[in-house]
Structure formats: C-alpha cells, structure tokens
C-alpha atoms as a PDB file:
ATOM      1  CA  MET A   1     -13.867  56.486-129.925  1.00  0.00           C
ATOM      2  CA  THR A   2     -15.882  57.823-127.118  1.00  0.00           C
ATOM      3  CA  LEU A   3     -16.169  54.876-124.014  1.00  0.00           C
ATOM      4  CA  ALA A   4     -19.001  56.520-121.707  1.00  0.00           C
ATOM      5  CA  ALA A   5     -20.306  54.786-119.048  1.00  0.00           C
ATOM      6  CA  ALA A   6     -23.681  55.743-117.281  1.00  0.00           C
ATOM      7  CA  GLY A   7     -22.847  56.427-113.670  1.00  0.00           C
ATOM      8  CA  ALA A   8     -19.537  57.005-113.095  1.00  0.00           C
ATOM      9  CA  GLY A   9     -18.637  58.830-109.878  1.00  0.00           C
ATOM     10  CA  LYS A  10     -21.880  58.140-107.998  1.00  0.00           C
ATOM     11  CA  ALA A  11     -21.907  57.360-105.094  1.00  0.00           C
ATOM     12  CA  TYR A  12     -23.192  54.178-103.271  1.00  0.00           C
ATOM     13  CA  GLU A  13     -25.577  53.743-100.343  1.00  0.00           C
ATOM     14  CA  LEU A  14     -24.803  49.981 -98.907  1.00  0.00           C
ATOM     15  CA  SER A  15     -26.912  50.114 -95.494  1.00  0.00           C
ATOM     16  CA  SER A  16     -30.148  47.991 -95.472  1.00  0.00           C
ATOM     17  CA  VAL A  17     -28.450  45.692 -98.382  1.00  0.00           C
ATOM     18  CA  TYR A  18     -28.187  42.856 -96.855  1.00  0.00           C
ATOM     19  CA  ALA A  19     -31.333  42.731 -94.609  1.00  0.00           C
ATOM     20  CA  THR A  20     -33.899  43.411 -97.520  1.00  0.00           C
ATOM     21  CA  PHE A  21     -32.456  41.746-100.747  1.00  0.00           C
ATOM     22  CA  GLN A  22     -35.271  38.634-100.878  1.00  0.00           C
ATOM     23  CA  PRO A  23     -33.398  36.734-104.104  1.00  0.00           C
ATOM     24  CA  PRO A  24     -36.244  36.075-106.969  1.00  0.00           C
ATOM     25  CA  ALA A  25     -36.889  32.108-107.119  1.00  0.00           C
ATOM     26  CA  TYR A  26     -35.111  32.144-110.958  1.00  0.00           C
ATOM     27  CA  THR A  27     -36.345  28.786-113.597  1.00  0.00           C
ATOM     28  CA  TYR A  28     -34.601  27.691-116.939  1.00  0.00           C
ATOM     29  CA  GLY A  29     -36.518  27.508-120.037  1.00  0.00           C
ATOM     30  CA  LEU A  30     -35.664  27.629-123.766  1.00  0.00           C
ATOM     31  CA  CYS A  31     -35.075  30.438-125.857  1.00  0.00           C
ATOM     32  CA  ASN A  32     -37.152  31.324-128.651  1.00  0.00           C
ATOM     33  CA  GLY A  33     -36.116  32.500-132.377  1.00  0.00           C
ATOM     34  CA  GLU A  34     -36.091  31.077-135.397  1.00  0.00           C
ATOM     35  CA  LYS A  35     -33.205  28.410-136.032  1.00  0.00           C
ATOM     36  CA  GLU A  36     -30.848  30.443-138.396  1.00  0.00           C
ATOM     37  CA  ASP A  37     -30.749  32.644-136.010  1.00  0.00           C
ATOM     38  CA  ASN A  38     -30.194  30.890-132.810  1.00  0.00           C
ATOM     39  CA  PRO A  39     -26.500  30.987-131.207  1.00  0.00           C
ATOM     40  CA  GLY A  40     -26.194  27.207-131.789  1.00  0.00           C
ATOM     41  CA  PRO A  41     -24.182  25.205-130.212  1.00  0.00           C
ATOM     42  CA  ARG A  42     -20.565  26.879-129.302  1.00  0.00           C
ATOM     43  CA  CYS A  43     -17.910  27.272-126.796  1.00  0.00           C
ATOM     44  CA  GLY A  44     -15.552  30.280-126.125  1.00  0.00           C
ATOM     45  CA  HIS A  45     -17.842  32.730-126.902  1.00  0.00           C
ATOM     46  CA  THR A  46     -18.308  35.777-124.287  1.00  0.00           C
ATOM     47  CA  LEU A  47     -22.416  36.903-123.274  1.00  0.00           C
ATOM     48  CA  THR A  48     -22.803  40.612-122.332  1.00  0.00           C
ATOM     49  CA  ALA A  49     -26.161  42.155-120.842  1.00  0.00           C
ATOM     50  CA  VAL A  50     -26.476  45.661-122.164  1.00  0.00           C
ATOM     51  CA  ASP A  51     -28.732  48.332-120.429  1.00  0.00           C
ATOM     52  CA  ALA A  52     -31.593  49.495-122.467  1.00  0.00           C
ATOM     53  CA  VAL A  53     -31.493  53.416-125.072  1.00  0.00           C
ATOM     54  CA  GLY A  54     -33.658  55.668-123.901  1.00  0.00           C
ATOM     55  CA  GLU A  55     -36.730  55.656-122.512  1.00  0.00           C
ATOM     56  CA  GLU A  56     -39.452  53.070-122.662  1.00  0.00           C
ATOM     57  CA  GLY A  57     -42.273  54.514-125.095  1.00  0.00           C
ATOM     58  CA  SER A  58     -39.929  57.374-126.405  1.00  0.00           C
ATOM     59  CA  PRO A  59     -39.062  57.260-129.972  1.00  0.00           C
ATOM     60  CA  GLY A  60     -36.143  55.279-130.750  1.00  0.00           C
ATOM     61  CA  TYR A  61     -36.015  53.384-127.427  1.00  0.00           C
ATOM     62  CA  ILE A  62     -34.133  50.176-127.803  1.00  0.00           C
ATOM     63  CA  GLY A  63     -35.739  47.701-124.595  1.00  0.00           C
ATOM     64  CA  PRO A  64     -32.612  45.308-122.795  1.00  0.00           C
ATOM     65  CA  ARG A  65     -30.233  43.065-125.113  1.00  0.00           C
ATOM     66  CA  LEU A  66     -27.344  40.145-124.717  1.00  0.00           C
ATOM     67  CA  ILE A  67     -25.139  40.137-126.947  1.00  0.00           C
ATOM     68  CA  LEU A  68     -23.666  36.799-127.940  1.00  0.00           C
ATOM     69  CA  PHE A  69     -20.196  37.394-129.746  1.00  0.00           C
ATOM     70  CA  GLY A  70     -17.737  35.829-131.041  1.00  0.00           C
ATOM     71  CA  GLY A  71     -16.794  31.609-129.509  1.00  0.00           C
ATOM     72  CA  ALA A  72     -15.529  28.003-131.423  1.00  0.00           C
ATOM     73  CA  THR A  73     -18.257  25.981-133.325  1.00  0.00           C
ATOM     74  CA  ALA A  74     -15.556  23.062-133.698  1.00  0.00           C
ATOM     75  CA  LEU A  75     -12.551  22.102-131.562  1.00  0.00           C
ATOM     76  CA  GLU A  76      -9.584  20.189-134.321  1.00  0.00           C
ATOM     77  CA  ASN A  77      -7.421  18.088-132.706  1.00  0.00           C
ATOM     78  CA  ASN A  78      -7.649  17.911-129.198  1.00  0.00           C
ATOM     79  CA  ALA A  79      -5.594  15.579-127.180  1.00  0.00           C
ATOM     80  CA  THR A  80      -5.448  17.241-124.525  1.00  0.00           C
ATOM     81  CA  THR A  81      -4.884  14.528-121.334  1.00  0.00           C
ATOM     82  CA  SER A  82      -5.568  17.145-118.556  1.00  0.00           C
ATOM     83  CA  GLY A  83      -8.517  18.359-119.796  1.00  0.00           C
ATOM     84  CA  ALA A  84      -7.509  21.916-119.656  1.00  0.00           C
ATOM     85  CA  LEU A  85      -7.254  24.019-122.353  1.00  0.00           C
ATOM     86  CA  SER A  86      -3.519  23.498-123.891  1.00  0.00           C
ATOM     87  CA  SER A  87      -1.343  27.017-126.022  1.00  0.00           C
ATOM     88  CA  PRO A  88      -2.225  28.501-129.117  1.00  0.00           C
ATOM     89  CA  GLY A  89       1.096  27.519-131.713  1.00  0.00           C
ATOM     90  CA  SER A  90       0.943  23.329-129.741  1.00  0.00           C
ATOM     91  CA  SER A  91      -0.201  20.581-131.717  1.00  0.00           C
ATOM     92  CA  SER A  92      -3.482  20.220-129.229  1.00  0.00           C
ATOM     93  CA  ILE A  93      -5.634  22.264-130.146  1.00  0.00           C
ATOM     94  CA  ARG A  94      -6.946  24.488-133.479  1.00  0.00           C
ATOM     95  CA  LEU A  95      -9.437  26.792-133.801  1.00  0.00           C
ATOM     96  CA  ALA A  96     -10.457  26.569-136.387  1.00  0.00           C
ATOM     97  CA  GLY A  97     -13.971  26.823-135.910  1.00  0.00           C
ATOM     98  CA  ALA A  98     -14.273  30.347-134.148  1.00  0.00           C
ATOM     99  CA  THR A  99     -16.091  32.620-135.341  1.00  0.00           C
ATOM    100  CA  ALA A 100     -16.975  36.277-135.047  1.00  0.00           C
ATOM    101  CA  ASP A 101     -20.197  35.861-135.247  1.00  0.00           C
ATOM    102  CA  VAL A 102     -23.364  38.277-133.551  1.00  0.00           C
ATOM    103  CA  HIS A 103     -26.175  37.353-132.016  1.00  0.00           C
ATOM    104  CA  CYS A 104     -28.699  39.119-129.673  1.00  0.00           C
ATOM    105  CA  TYR A 105     -31.642  38.031-127.802  1.00  0.00           C
ATOM    106  CA  ASP A 106     -34.109  40.924-127.060  1.00  0.00           C
ATOM    107  CA  ILE A 107     -35.176  40.663-123.086  1.00  0.00           C
ATOM    108  CA  SER A 108     -38.438  41.574-123.478  1.00  0.00           C
ATOM    109  CA  SER A 109     -39.166  39.622-127.080  1.00  0.00           C
ATOM    110  CA  LYS A 110     -37.245  36.564-125.476  1.00  0.00           C
ATOM    111  CA  LYS A 111     -36.347  35.925-129.328  1.00  0.00           C
ATOM    112  CA  TRP A 112     -32.928  35.527-130.365  1.00  0.00           C
ATOM    113  CA  SER A 113     -31.524  37.633-133.823  1.00  0.00           C
ATOM    114  CA  ARG A 114     -28.008  37.768-135.578  1.00  0.00           C
ATOM    115  CA  ILE A 115     -26.891  40.749-136.156  1.00  0.00           C
ATOM    116  CA  THR A 116     -25.110  42.047-139.120  1.00  0.00           C
ATOM    117  CA  PRO A 117     -22.611  45.505-137.578  1.00  0.00           C
ATOM    118  CA  LEU A 118     -21.228  48.182-139.707  1.00  0.00           C
ATOM    119  CA  GLY A 119     -17.983  48.836-139.575  1.00  0.00           C
ATOM    120  CA  GLU A 120     -15.341  46.898-139.395  1.00  0.00           C
ATOM    121  CA  PRO A 121     -15.653  43.619-137.215  1.00  0.00           C
ATOM    122  CA  PRO A 122     -13.005  41.537-134.558  1.00  0.00           C
ATOM    123  CA  THR A 123     -11.289  38.846-136.142  1.00  0.00           C
ATOM    124  CA  PRO A 124     -13.018  34.855-135.845  1.00  0.00           C
ATOM    125  CA  ARG A 125     -12.078  34.371-132.069  1.00  0.00           C
ATOM    126  CA  ALA A 126     -12.775  32.599-128.639  1.00  0.00           C
ATOM    127  CA  ALA A 127     -11.471  32.690-125.017  1.00  0.00           C
ATOM    128  CA  HIS A 128     -11.110  36.250-125.696  1.00  0.00           C
ATOM    129  CA  VAL A 129     -12.963  38.663-123.285  1.00  0.00           C
ATOM    130  CA  ALA A 130     -16.047  41.739-123.509  1.00  0.00           C
ATOM    131  CA  ALA A 131     -17.054  43.716-121.177  1.00  0.00           C
ATOM    132  CA  ALA A 132     -20.034  46.513-121.626  1.00  0.00           C
ATOM    133  CA  VAL A 133     -19.159  50.053-121.450  1.00  0.00           C
ATOM    134  CA  GLY A 134     -22.400  52.131-121.217  1.00  0.00           C
ATOM    135  CA  THR A 135     -24.184  50.575-124.753  1.00  0.00           C
ATOM    136  CA  MET A 136     -21.242  49.536-126.228  1.00  0.00           C
ATOM    137  CA  VAL A 137     -19.456  45.762-125.542  1.00  0.00           C
ATOM    138  CA  VAL A 138     -15.653  46.033-125.233  1.00  0.00           C
ATOM    139  CA  ILE A 139     -14.008  43.151-126.735  1.00  0.00           C
ATOM    140  CA  GLN A 140     -10.549  42.504-126.231  1.00  0.00           C
ATOM    141  CA  GLY A 141      -7.991  39.341-126.905  1.00  0.00           C
ATOM    142  CA  GLY A 142      -8.870  35.504-127.308  1.00  0.00           C
ATOM    143  CA  ILE A 143      -7.303  33.440-129.700  1.00  0.00           C
ATOM    144  CA  GLY A 144      -8.516  32.581-133.823  1.00  0.00           C
ATOM    145  CA  PRO A 145      -7.671  30.176-136.992  1.00  0.00           C
ATOM    146  CA  ALA A 146      -4.393  31.745-136.547  1.00  0.00           C
ATOM    147  CA  GLY A 147      -3.017  31.740-132.418  1.00  0.00           C
ATOM    148  CA  LEU A 148      -3.827  34.340-130.124  1.00  0.00           C
ATOM    149  CA  SER A 149      -5.569  37.566-131.676  1.00  0.00           C
ATOM    150  CA  SER A 150      -4.634  41.495-131.197  1.00  0.00           C
ATOM    151  CA  GLU A 151      -5.011  43.091-127.993  1.00  0.00           C
ATOM    152  CA  ASP A 152      -7.049  45.488-129.383  1.00  0.00           C
ATOM    153  CA  LEU A 153      -9.804  46.430-127.917  1.00  0.00           C
ATOM    154  CA  HIS A 154     -12.864  46.943-130.369  1.00  0.00           C
ATOM    155  CA  ALA A 155     -16.702  47.839-129.671  1.00  0.00           C
ATOM    156  CA  LEU A 156     -19.951  47.108-130.770  1.00  0.00           C
ATOM    157  CA  ASP A 157     -21.799  49.959-130.412  1.00  0.00           C
ATOM    158  CA  LEU A 158     -25.115  49.915-130.060  1.00  0.00           C
ATOM    159  CA  THR A 159     -26.322  52.712-128.892  1.00  0.00           C
ATOM    160  CA  GLN A 160     -28.629  53.185-133.147  1.00  0.00           C
ATOM    161  CA  GLN A 161     -31.027  50.972-134.374  1.00  0.00           C
ATOM    162  CA  GLN A 162     -27.921  49.362-136.759  1.00  0.00           C
ATOM    163  CA  PRO A 163     -25.048  48.693-134.420  1.00  0.00           C
ATOM    164  CA  ARG A 164     -21.110  49.790-135.623  1.00  0.00           C
ATOM    165  CA  TRP A 165     -17.816  48.003-135.005  1.00  0.00           C
ATOM    166  CA  HIS A 166     -15.004  50.960-134.054  1.00  0.00           C
ATOM    167  CA  LYS A 167     -11.573  49.731-133.367  1.00  0.00           C
ATOM    168  CA  VAL A 168     -10.598  51.779-129.896  1.00  0.00           C
ATOM    169  CA  ALA A 169      -7.821  54.214-130.129  1.00  0.00           C
ATOM    170  CA  VAL A 170      -4.856  53.039-127.208  1.00  0.00           C
ATOM    171  CA  GLN A 171      -1.568  54.854-127.065  1.00  0.00           C
ATOM    172  CA  GLY A 172       1.195  52.886-125.085  1.00  0.00           C
ATOM    173  CA  SER A 173       1.636  49.059-124.221  1.00  0.00           C
ATOM    174  CA  GLY A 174      -1.357  46.980-122.124  1.00  0.00           C
ATOM    175  CA  PRO A 175      -1.990  43.655-121.207  1.00  0.00           C
ATOM    176  CA  GLY A 176      -0.892  42.304-124.468  1.00  0.00           C
ATOM    177  CA  PRO A 177      -2.485  39.408-126.906  1.00  0.00           C
ATOM    178  CA  ARG A 178      -4.006  37.004-124.714  1.00  0.00           C
ATOM    179  CA  TYR A 179      -6.817  34.525-124.123  1.00  0.00           C
ATOM    180  CA  GLY A 180      -9.035  32.560-121.003  1.00  0.00           C
ATOM    181  CA  HIS A 181      -8.919  36.236-119.366  1.00  0.00           C
ATOM    182  CA  VAL A 182     -10.891  38.160-116.890  1.00  0.00           C
ATOM    183  CA  MET A 183     -11.729  41.561-118.340  1.00  0.00           C
ATOM    184  CA  ALA A 184     -15.029  43.903-116.652  1.00  0.00           C
ATOM    185  CA  LEU A 185     -15.933  47.290-115.527  1.00  0.00           C
ATOM    186  CA  VAL A 186     -15.532  48.672-111.776  1.00  0.00           C
ATOM    187  CA  GLY A 187     -17.040  51.421-110.377  1.00  0.00           C
ATOM    188  CA  GLN A 188     -19.012  52.198-114.018  1.00  0.00           C
ATOM    189  CA  ARG A 189     -15.684  53.699-114.861  1.00  0.00           C
ATOM    190  CA  PHE A 190     -12.200  51.288-115.047  1.00  0.00           C
ATOM    191  CA  LEU A 191     -11.879  48.167-117.053  1.00  0.00           C
ATOM    192  CA  MET A 192      -9.664  46.247-115.697  1.00  0.00           C
ATOM    193  CA  ALA A 193      -7.646  42.897-117.435  1.00  0.00           C
ATOM    194  CA  ILE A 194      -6.709  40.389-115.227  1.00  0.00           C
ATOM    195  CA  GLY A 195      -4.814  37.196-115.543  1.00  0.00           C
ATOM    196  CA  GLY A 196      -5.043  34.802-118.782  1.00  0.00           C
ATOM    197  CA  ASN A 197      -2.374  32.792-120.623  1.00  0.00           C
ATOM    198  CA  ASP A 198      -0.461  34.651-123.059  1.00  0.00           C
ATOM    199  CA  GLY A 199       0.705  31.270-124.963  1.00  0.00           C
ATOM    200  CA  LYS A 200       3.720  30.732-123.059  1.00  0.00           C
ATOM    201  CA  ARG A 201       2.445  30.759-119.647  1.00  0.00           C
ATOM    202  CA  PRO A 202      -0.644  31.959-117.174  1.00  0.00           C
ATOM    203  CA  LEU A 203      -0.275  35.505-115.707  1.00  0.00           C
ATOM    204  CA  ALA A 204      -1.533  36.677-112.638  1.00  0.00           C
ATOM    205  CA  ASP A 205      -0.833  40.943-113.815  1.00  0.00           C
ATOM    206  CA  VAL A 206      -3.210  42.967-113.045  1.00  0.00           C
ATOM    207  CA  TRP A 207      -4.553  46.460-116.151  1.00  0.00           C
ATOM    208  CA  ALA A 208      -6.907  49.317-116.033  1.00  0.00           C
ATOM    209  CA  LEU A 209      -8.384  51.681-118.596  1.00  0.00           C
ATOM    210  CA  ASP A 210      -9.704  54.222-117.246  1.00  0.00           C
ATOM    211  CA  THR A 211     -12.871  54.757-120.052  1.00  0.00           C
ATOM    212  CA  SER A 212     -14.199  58.671-118.983  1.00  0.00           C
ATOM    213  CA  ALA A 213      -9.833  60.368-119.909  1.00  0.00           C
ATOM    214  CA  LYS A 214      -8.655  60.555-122.973  1.00  0.00           C
ATOM    215  CA  PRO A 215      -6.492  59.266-124.619  1.00  0.00           C
ATOM    216  CA  TYR A 216      -7.380  55.773-123.373  1.00  0.00           C
ATOM    217  CA  LYS A 217      -3.468  53.936-121.736  1.00  0.00           C
ATOM    218  CA  TRP A 218      -3.886  50.815-119.897  1.00  0.00           C
ATOM    219  CA  LEU A 219      -2.042  51.012-117.082  1.00  0.00           C
ATOM    220  CA  LYS A 220      -0.439  48.191-115.013  1.00  0.00           C
ATOM    221  CA  LEU A 221      -1.501  48.039-111.591  1.00  0.00           C
ATOM    222  CA  GLU A 222       0.775  46.546-108.758  1.00  0.00           C
ATOM    223  CA  PRO A 223      -1.414  45.557-105.560  1.00  0.00           C
ATOM    224  CA  GLU A 224      -1.086  45.601-102.465  1.00  0.00           C
ATOM    225  CA  GLY A 225      -1.292  42.048-100.653  1.00  0.00           C
ATOM    226  CA  GLU A 226      -1.770  38.569-101.559  1.00  0.00           C
ATOM    227  CA  GLY A 227      -2.957  38.557-105.075  1.00  0.00           C
ATOM    228  CA  PRO A 228      -3.696  35.467-107.045  1.00  0.00           C
ATOM    229  CA  PRO A 229      -1.729  32.894-108.464  1.00  0.00           C
ATOM    230  CA  PRO A 230      -0.948  32.786-111.875  1.00  0.00           C
ATOM    231  CA  CYS A 231      -4.269  31.836-114.027  1.00  0.00           C
ATOM    232  CA  MET A 232      -7.125  31.444-116.668  1.00  0.00           C
ATOM    233  CA  LEU A 233     -10.818  30.314-117.597  1.00  0.00           C
ATOM    234  CA  VAL A 234     -12.458  32.398-114.318  1.00  0.00           C
ATOM    235  CA  SER A 235     -14.715  32.862-113.125  1.00  0.00           C
ATOM    236  CA  TYR A 236     -15.504  36.535-111.879  1.00  0.00           C
ATOM    237  CA  LEU A 237     -17.856  39.055-109.438  1.00  0.00           C
ATOM    238  CA  ILE A 238     -18.536  42.533-110.030  1.00  0.00           C
ATOM    239  CA  PHE A 239     -19.694  44.322-106.634  1.00  0.00           C
ATOM    240  CA  PHE A 240     -20.066  47.583-106.917  1.00  0.00           C
ATOM    241  CA  ARG A 241     -16.036  49.639-106.735  1.00  0.00           C
ATOM    242  CA  SER A 242     -14.418  45.942-106.269  1.00  0.00           C
ATOM    243  CA  ILE A 243     -13.872  42.062-108.159  1.00  0.00           C
ATOM    244  CA  SER A 244     -13.742  38.899-106.657  1.00  0.00           C
ATOM    245  CA  LEU A 245     -11.722  36.469-108.235  1.00  0.00           C
ATOM    246  CA  VAL A 246     -13.226  32.016-108.334  1.00  0.00           C
ATOM    247  CA  MET A 247     -10.151  31.174-108.955  1.00  0.00           C
ATOM    248  CA  CYS A 248      -9.105  27.360-111.414  1.00  0.00           C
ATOM    249  CA  ARG A 249      -4.895  27.701-111.179  1.00  0.00           C
ATOM    250  CA  HIS A 250      -3.511  26.301-115.156  1.00  0.00           C
ATOM    251  CA  PHE A 251      -0.220  24.540-115.895  1.00  0.00           C
ATOM    252  CA  VAL A 252       0.537  23.148-118.541  1.00  0.00           C
ATOM    253  CA  LYS A 253       1.058  19.832-116.493  1.00  0.00           C
ATOM    254  CA  GLY A 254      -3.161  19.840-115.056  1.00  0.00           C
ATOM    255  CA  ILE A 255      -5.252  22.377-113.407  1.00  0.00           C
ATOM    256  CA  MET A 256      -5.777  22.524-109.846  1.00  0.00           C
ATOM    257  CA  SER A 257      -8.234  24.669-108.796  1.00  0.00           C
ATOM    258  CA  THR A 258      -7.631  27.031-105.308  1.00  0.00           C
ATOM    259  CA  LEU A 259     -10.717  29.234-104.522  1.00  0.00           C
ATOM    260  CA  LEU A 260     -10.617  32.931-102.881  1.00  0.00           C
END
C-alpha cells in the first residue's frame, strides 16, 4: 500500500497573506440525506476532508467529500465524577457501542450516504485518529469493545468509485496502542502523532512517519524547547509546515486546561 500526498516539496509563498485574506461569512445549515444514511448521534468519531479526484467534468471525476469513520453510539456505566474519559479496562466506561461505520458527505450535493468499502475494515473503535493523505484516509488507534485498538495503520482508498480498505505495512515499533491522541499530515508528507493515552497514563511523545519513503517506519522525535505537557483529547491546527495544539491536559483525578 502506497501513501501519497499531492504537493510534496512545494514551496509556499507567505507574503501578503495577512493583508489580503478575508474570511467568508459562514452559516449553519442542516445536511440532507435519507435517515438511514445519516451517521446519527455518536461521539469519538473522526470527520476527514478529502479532495476531489480528477478534473471536474472529466470521466471518473469524484467531487470533494467528508468521510466519517467509527465513533461510539452508546456509552455504558459512565460514572466518572470528573467528566473525563477514563482509561479502558476500568469499570467507569466501556465502548460497547463503538462502530466501524463509514459515512460520506458529498460537498456538491450536500447529502450523506453510508458506504461499504471493499477489503478488510479496521475493528470498531472510537477516540481514534484519522488524517487525509492525498485521496486516502488513514486511521490509527482508538478504543473498541475489547479495550485499546491495535496500533496498525489502516488506509481507506477513495481514488475509485468503490472505496477499499488497506492495511498499511509499517516496519519496526511505533506509537503503540493509544486513544485520544492527535495525528495530522504536516508539509503534505509527514504523518505526525502526538500525545494521547495508552490506557495507563497521558502521553506527550511525538512520532513521525514519512509517507514518501518506503518501507514505512515510525520515528520517535525529540523536539527541542519546552513541549506540551502529557495530554489527550486535544484540538489542533495545521499551518503549512507546522502544527499548533490547543491543549486540554488530562489527569486521572481530573482535567486542567492550558492554552499553548
């Protein structure tokens, strides 16, 4: 399985960006679609934007889409007092309602559809991560009905009309099973995974995988400077060749928020 992202090595011109950018006026609206095709209420899922395939108007053109994967439709014994997600294996929470569903939102038609890709899908999970690499959505980690999901990488190839799951071969050790972490494609080339929880403690480690070099390998990074504290369930922003995190630092006994 080959991971490929368009624009690798492209130089970016930043001059005048701040002077000319005018944000559009966004509004909320309900999405159309048959009831059975809508994802329905759930939590811990991922929603990933995927670029169009081909040129508009050409044979085989597929418009831009949002791909929703997994998530939990039910939580059992959710008795935590702090409001924080507890570690798998405890009596506080079990993701028995975790799914491996794939839903697609077509940007042009503004409609949801449920799709059934070919190939072997990932196991049901929530609190996993997903990132778009070209016209593929790469999935890693999470929690399922049996606890932590494996650290394997799964890629949903959306190049053809019929999507297909692939298991990505990766050599050596990597981030390991975890949930609540961040994974993003940086510089149109490097998959970066940060933080999360391995079922025992929050983490602050940083891993990178070069999607342009085979065989694929995870590399543990040791960034200079003062890094974020151990964290999970964070928000993030990709800006050209950097990643910024808005941290919600999680401890077993509660939650403390800190903005980086």
